[in-house]
């Protein structure tokens, strides 16, 4: 996969991230792979928070919307060949 395709697929669910990591241009899309992995972890945390009654449900909705918006921002960055980190959460480095 090209750098652009790898970056876009990295933001589309956990399975998409795995496909991008295994079959894509790892060096060219490293920023997008890292951002996608951060969003995968955020989704897992959001899933767990969803089991908490009332306050957890509200936080689940807010965090779910934030994750969706970050994924859209990341896809736009990848589609326009910009190697930018996502605002606020992009400073977290999981992949080196």
C-alpha atoms as a PDB file:
ATOM      1  CA  UNK A   1       0.000   0.000   0.000  1.00  0.00           C
ATOM      2  CA  UNK A   2       1.102   3.544  -0.591  1.00  0.00           C
ATOM      3  CA  UNK A   3       1.811   6.005   2.193  1.00  0.00           C
ATOM      4  CA  UNK A   4      -1.513   7.758   1.642  1.00  0.00           C
ATOM      5  CA  UNK A   5      -3.558   4.531   1.627  1.00  0.00           C
ATOM      6  CA  UNK A   6      -1.743   3.229   4.695  1.00  0.00           C
ATOM      7  CA  UNK A   7      -2.454   6.456   6.562  1.00  0.00           C
ATOM      8  CA  UNK A   8      -6.148   6.416   5.699  1.00  0.00           C
ATOM      9  CA  UNK A   9      -6.682   2.729   6.538  1.00  0.00           C
ATOM     10  CA  UNK A  10      -4.857   3.146   9.876  1.00  0.00           C
ATOM     11  CA  UNK A  11      -7.738   5.265  11.202  1.00  0.00           C
ATOM     12  CA  UNK A  12     -10.501   2.822  10.241  1.00  0.00           C
ATOM     13  CA  UNK A  13     -11.070   0.420  13.171  1.00  0.00           C
ATOM     14  CA  UNK A  14      -8.598  -1.935  14.800  1.00  0.00           C
ATOM     15  CA  UNK A  15      -8.687  -4.356  11.879  1.00  0.00           C
ATOM     16  CA  UNK A  16      -7.858  -1.512   9.513  1.00  0.00           C
ATOM     17  CA  UNK A  17      -4.940  -0.538  11.722  1.00  0.00           C
ATOM     18  CA  UNK A  18      -3.602  -4.109  11.658  1.00  0.00           C
ATOM     19  CA  UNK A  19      -3.889  -4.254   7.859  1.00  0.00           C
ATOM     20  CA  UNK A  20      -2.122  -0.897   7.545  1.00  0.00           C
ATOM     21  CA  UNK A  21       0.630  -2.013   9.919  1.00  0.00           C
ATOM     22  CA  UNK A  22       1.237  -5.373   8.233  1.00  0.00           C
ATOM     23  CA  UNK A  23       0.735  -4.500   4.559  1.00  0.00           C
ATOM     24  CA  UNK A  24       1.416  -0.795   4.371  1.00  0.00           C
ATOM     25  CA  UNK A  25       4.293   1.649   4.173  1.00  0.00           C
ATOM     26  CA  UNK A  26       5.309   1.651   7.855  1.00  0.00           C
ATOM     27  CA  UNK A  27       8.061   4.225   7.581  1.00  0.00           C
ATOM     28  CA  UNK A  28       6.132   6.679   5.421  1.00  0.00           C
ATOM     29  CA  UNK A  29       2.945   6.579   7.476  1.00  0.00           C
ATOM     30  CA  UNK A  30       4.465   6.170  10.941  1.00  0.00           C
ATOM     31  CA  UNK A  31       2.686   9.272  12.291  1.00  0.00           C
ATOM     32  CA  UNK A  32      -0.690   8.008  11.089  1.00  0.00           C
ATOM     33  CA  UNK A  33      -0.083   4.497  12.416  1.00  0.00           C
ATOM     34  CA  UNK A  34       0.759   5.969  15.822  1.00  0.00           C
ATOM     35  CA  UNK A  35      -2.308   8.226  15.798  1.00  0.00           C
ATOM     36  CA  UNK A  36      -4.524   5.324  14.720  1.00  0.00           C
ATOM     37  CA  UNK A  37      -3.187   3.143  17.539  1.00  0.00           C
ATOM     38  CA  UNK A  38      -3.901   5.897  20.063  1.00  0.00           C
ATOM     39  CA  UNK A  39      -7.484   6.045  18.783  1.00  0.00           C
ATOM     40  CA  UNK A  40      -7.785   2.243  19.072  1.00  0.00           C
ATOM     41  CA  UNK A  41      -6.733   2.439  22.730  1.00  0.00           C
ATOM     42  CA  UNK A  42      -9.131   5.345  23.293  1.00  0.00           C
ATOM     43  CA  UNK A  43     -11.931   3.244  21.794  1.00  0.00           C
ATOM     44  CA  UNK A  44     -11.135   0.377  24.172  1.00  0.00           C
ATOM     45  CA  UNK A  45     -11.188   2.758  27.137  1.00  0.00           C
ATOM     46  CA  UNK A  46     -14.473   4.189  25.873  1.00  0.00           C
ATOM     47  CA  UNK A  47     -15.916   0.671  25.670  1.00  0.00           C
ATOM     48  CA  UNK A  48     -15.051   0.005  29.320  1.00  0.00           C
ATOM     49  CA  UNK A  49     -16.401   3.388  30.440  1.00  0.00           C
ATOM     50  CA  UNK A  50     -19.704   2.530  28.753  1.00  0.00           C
ATOM     51  CA  UNK A  51     -20.402  -0.116  31.394  1.00  0.00           C
ATOM     52  CA  UNK A  52     -20.563   2.478  34.183  1.00  0.00           C
ATOM     53  CA  UNK A  53     -24.192   3.533  34.743  1.00  0.00           C
ATOM     54  CA  UNK A  54     -25.291   7.134  34.137  1.00  0.00           C
ATOM     55  CA  UNK A  55     -22.026   9.114  34.317  1.00  0.00           C
ATOM     56  CA  UNK A  56     -20.240   6.470  32.262  1.00  0.00           C
ATOM     57  CA  UNK A  57     -22.937   6.606  29.608  1.00  0.00           C
ATOM     58  CA  UNK A  58     -22.592  10.371  29.296  1.00  0.00           C
ATOM     59  CA  UNK A  59     -18.784  10.152  29.150  1.00  0.00           C
ATOM     60  CA  UNK A  60     -19.126   7.329  26.625  1.00  0.00           C
ATOM     61  CA  UNK A  61     -21.141   9.561  24.294  1.00  0.00           C
ATOM     62  CA  UNK A  62     -18.765  12.502  24.627  1.00  0.00           C
ATOM     63  CA  UNK A  63     -15.641  10.388  24.179  1.00  0.00           C
ATOM     64  CA  UNK A  64     -17.224   8.535  21.258  1.00  0.00           C
ATOM     65  CA  UNK A  65     -17.885  11.795  19.446  1.00  0.00           C
ATOM     66  CA  UNK A  66     -14.335  13.002  20.182  1.00  0.00           C
ATOM     67  CA  UNK A  67     -12.835   9.756  18.832  1.00  0.00           C
ATOM     68  CA  UNK A  68     -14.947  10.048  15.667  1.00  0.00           C
ATOM     69  CA  UNK A  69     -13.870  13.667  15.124  1.00  0.00           C
ATOM     70  CA  UNK A  70     -10.202  12.765  15.673  1.00  0.00           C
ATOM     71  CA  UNK A  71     -10.517   9.902  13.172  1.00  0.00           C
ATOM     72  CA  UNK A  72     -11.976  12.270  10.556  1.00  0.00           C
ATOM     73  CA  UNK A  73      -9.187  14.791  11.198  1.00  0.00           C
ATOM     74  CA  UNK A  74      -6.598  12.026  10.854  1.00  0.00           C
ATOM     75  CA  UNK A  75      -8.119  10.747   7.616  1.00  0.00           C
ATOM     76  CA  UNK A  76      -8.060  14.273   6.191  1.00  0.00           C
ATOM     77  CA  UNK A  77      -4.396  14.672   7.207  1.00  0.00           C
ATOM     78  CA  UNK A  78      -3.529  11.322   5.599  1.00  0.00           C
ATOM     79  CA  UNK A  79      -5.495  12.041   2.415  1.00  0.00           C
ATOM     80  CA  UNK A  80      -3.713  15.368   1.938  1.00  0.00           C
ATOM     81  CA  UNK A  81      -0.240  13.874   2.661  1.00  0.00           C
ATOM     82  CA  UNK A  82       0.286  15.878   5.832  1.00  0.00           C
ATOM     83  CA  UNK A  83       2.330  14.154   8.524  1.00  0.00           C
ATOM     84  CA  UNK A  84       0.706  16.028  11.389  1.00  0.00           C
ATOM     85  CA  UNK A  85      -0.026  14.683  14.827  1.00  0.00           C
ATOM     86  CA  UNK A  86      -3.588  14.854  16.095  1.00  0.00           C
ATOM     87  CA  UNK A  87      -4.269  17.806  18.422  1.00  0.00           C
ATOM     88  CA  UNK A  88      -3.838  17.076  22.146  1.00  0.00           C
ATOM     89  CA  UNK A  89      -3.369  13.292  21.828  1.00  0.00           C
ATOM     90  CA  UNK A  90      -0.780  13.209  19.048  1.00  0.00           C
ATOM     91  CA  UNK A  91       2.070  13.877  21.442  1.00  0.00           C
ATOM     92  CA  UNK A  92       1.686  10.358  22.853  1.00  0.00           C
ATOM     93  CA  UNK A  93       4.267   8.146  21.161  1.00  0.00           C
ATOM     94  CA  UNK A  94       3.511   4.420  21.145  1.00  0.00           C
ATOM     95  CA  UNK A  95       5.336   3.463  17.945  1.00  0.00           C
ATOM     96  CA  UNK A  96       8.920   4.572  17.601  1.00  0.00           C
END
